[in-house]
Amino acid sequence: MCFEAAVGRIKFNNILFSYLSSGKLIVEKISFTVKGGKTIILVGQSGSGKTIVLNLLQHFINPNKGNIKINS
């Protein structure tokens, strides 16, 4: 899975996400920055949280802790 920061930058700060209904921890302490015009690739086993990271970026879901900053 890959995505590109079109302008500015995207910064994930110490993101933690778990489904509240099950309490299952999906993403823990994820931090990275993507500068505008750069592409990153997320690689991992099935179920490791790659799609969750993309859904967090698109605000389909919100992190339990941490924050995502775009163009700041």
C-alpha atoms as a PDB file:
ATOM      1  CA  MET A   1       0.000   0.000   0.000  1.00  0.00           C
ATOM      2  CA  CYS A   2       1.435   3.405  -0.833  1.00  0.00           C
ATOM      3  CA  PHE A   3       0.316   7.003  -0.603  1.00  0.00           C
ATOM      4  CA  GLU A   4       1.782  10.339  -1.561  1.00  0.00           C
ATOM      5  CA  ALA A   5       1.762  13.676   0.240  1.00  0.00           C
ATOM      6  CA  ALA A   6       0.641  16.033  -2.545  1.00  0.00           C
ATOM      7  CA  VAL A   7       1.537  19.300  -0.816  1.00  0.00           C
ATOM      8  CA  GLY A   8       2.979  20.278   2.526  1.00  0.00           C
ATOM      9  CA  ARG A   9       3.534  17.287   4.760  1.00  0.00           C
ATOM     10  CA  ILE A  10       1.715  14.604   6.699  1.00  0.00           C
ATOM     11  CA  LYS A  11       2.852  13.845  10.225  1.00  0.00           C
ATOM     12  CA  PHE A  12       1.650  10.931  12.368  1.00  0.00           C
ATOM     13  CA  ASN A  13       2.506  11.580  16.031  1.00  0.00           C
ATOM     14  CA  ASN A  14       2.530   8.589  18.385  1.00  0.00           C
ATOM     15  CA  ILE A  15      -0.715   7.106  17.004  1.00  0.00           C
ATOM     16  CA  LEU A  16      -2.497   4.390  18.956  1.00  0.00           C
ATOM     17  CA  PHE A  17      -5.646   2.750  17.600  1.00  0.00           C
ATOM     18  CA  SER A  18      -7.764  -0.091  18.932  1.00  0.00           C
ATOM     19  CA  TYR A  19     -11.330  -1.136  18.296  1.00  0.00           C
ATOM     20  CA  LEU A  20     -13.261  -0.093  21.413  1.00  0.00           C
ATOM     21  CA  SER A  21     -15.749  -2.947  21.101  1.00  0.00           C
ATOM     22  CA  SER A  22     -13.082  -5.647  21.285  1.00  0.00           C
ATOM     23  CA  GLY A  23     -10.224  -3.688  22.869  1.00  0.00           C
ATOM     24  CA  LYS A  24      -7.885  -5.319  20.345  1.00  0.00           C
ATOM     25  CA  LEU A  25      -4.830  -3.111  19.829  1.00  0.00           C
ATOM     26  CA  ILE A  26      -4.271  -2.637  16.075  1.00  0.00           C
ATOM     27  CA  VAL A  27      -1.715   0.193  15.767  1.00  0.00           C
ATOM     28  CA  GLU A  28       0.626   1.196  18.586  1.00  0.00           C
ATOM     29  CA  LYS A  29       3.049   4.143  18.768  1.00  0.00           C
ATOM     30  CA  ILE A  30       3.235   4.854  15.037  1.00  0.00           C
ATOM     31  CA  SER A  31       5.145   8.037  14.182  1.00  0.00           C
ATOM     32  CA  PHE A  32       6.387   9.175  10.779  1.00  0.00           C
ATOM     33  CA  THR A  33       6.485  12.225   8.514  1.00  0.00           C
ATOM     34  CA  VAL A  34       5.937  12.350   4.753  1.00  0.00           C
ATOM     35  CA  LYS A  35       7.163  15.487   3.006  1.00  0.00           C
ATOM     36  CA  GLY A  36       5.133  16.934   0.122  1.00  0.00           C
ATOM     37  CA  GLY A  37       5.762  15.215  -3.215  1.00  0.00           C
ATOM     38  CA  LYS A  38       7.220  12.099  -1.565  1.00  0.00           C
ATOM     39  CA  THR A  39       5.722   8.626  -1.627  1.00  0.00           C
ATOM     40  CA  ILE A  40       5.927   6.030   1.130  1.00  0.00           C
ATOM     41  CA  ILE A  41       5.087   2.358   1.045  1.00  0.00           C
ATOM     42  CA  LEU A  42       3.638   0.455   3.996  1.00  0.00           C
ATOM     43  CA  VAL A  43       4.664  -3.179   4.026  1.00  0.00           C
ATOM     44  CA  GLY A  44       3.531  -5.852   6.441  1.00  0.00           C
ATOM     45  CA  GLN A  45       1.648  -9.060   6.949  1.00  0.00           C
ATOM     46  CA  SER A  46      -2.090  -9.294   6.510  1.00  0.00           C
ATOM     47  CA  GLY A  47      -3.765  -7.820   9.579  1.00  0.00           C
ATOM     48  CA  SER A  48      -0.774  -5.695  10.622  1.00  0.00           C
ATOM     49  CA  GLY A  49      -2.645  -2.369  10.344  1.00  0.00           C
ATOM     50  CA  LYS A  50      -1.734  -0.993   6.894  1.00  0.00           C
ATOM     51  CA  THR A  51      -5.344  -0.237   5.941  1.00  0.00           C
ATOM     52  CA  ILE A  52      -6.002   1.246   9.388  1.00  0.00           C
ATOM     53  CA  VAL A  53      -3.174   3.753   8.807  1.00  0.00           C
ATOM     54  CA  LEU A  54      -4.780   4.791   5.495  1.00  0.00           C
ATOM     55  CA  ASN A  55      -8.234   5.037   7.114  1.00  0.00           C
ATOM     56  CA  LEU A  56      -6.776   7.202   9.895  1.00  0.00           C
ATOM     57  CA  LEU A  57      -5.218   9.494   7.306  1.00  0.00           C
ATOM     58  CA  GLN A  58      -8.544   9.899   5.502  1.00  0.00           C
ATOM     59  CA  HIS A  59     -10.380  10.479   8.831  1.00  0.00           C
ATOM     60  CA  PHE A  60     -12.673   7.490   8.276  1.00  0.00           C
ATOM     61  CA  ILE A  61     -11.669   6.565  11.825  1.00  0.00           C
ATOM     62  CA  ASN A  62      -9.957   8.515  14.613  1.00  0.00           C
ATOM     63  CA  PRO A  63      -6.980   7.461  16.722  1.00  0.00           C
ATOM     64  CA  ASN A  64      -7.487   6.622  20.389  1.00  0.00           C
ATOM     65  CA  LYS A  65      -4.306   8.582  21.176  1.00  0.00           C
ATOM     66  CA  GLY A  66      -1.876  10.729  19.238  1.00  0.00           C
ATOM     67  CA  ASN A  67      -2.597  13.049  16.339  1.00  0.00           C
ATOM     68  CA  ILE A  68      -2.218  13.446  12.605  1.00  0.00           C
ATOM     69  CA  LYS A  69      -1.155  16.816  11.238  1.00  0.00           C
ATOM     70  CA  ILE A  70      -1.508  17.746   7.597  1.00  0.00           C
ATOM     71  CA  ASN A  71       0.241  20.817   6.159  1.00  0.00           C
ATOM     72  CA  SER A  72       1.277  22.187   9.536  1.00  0.00           C
END
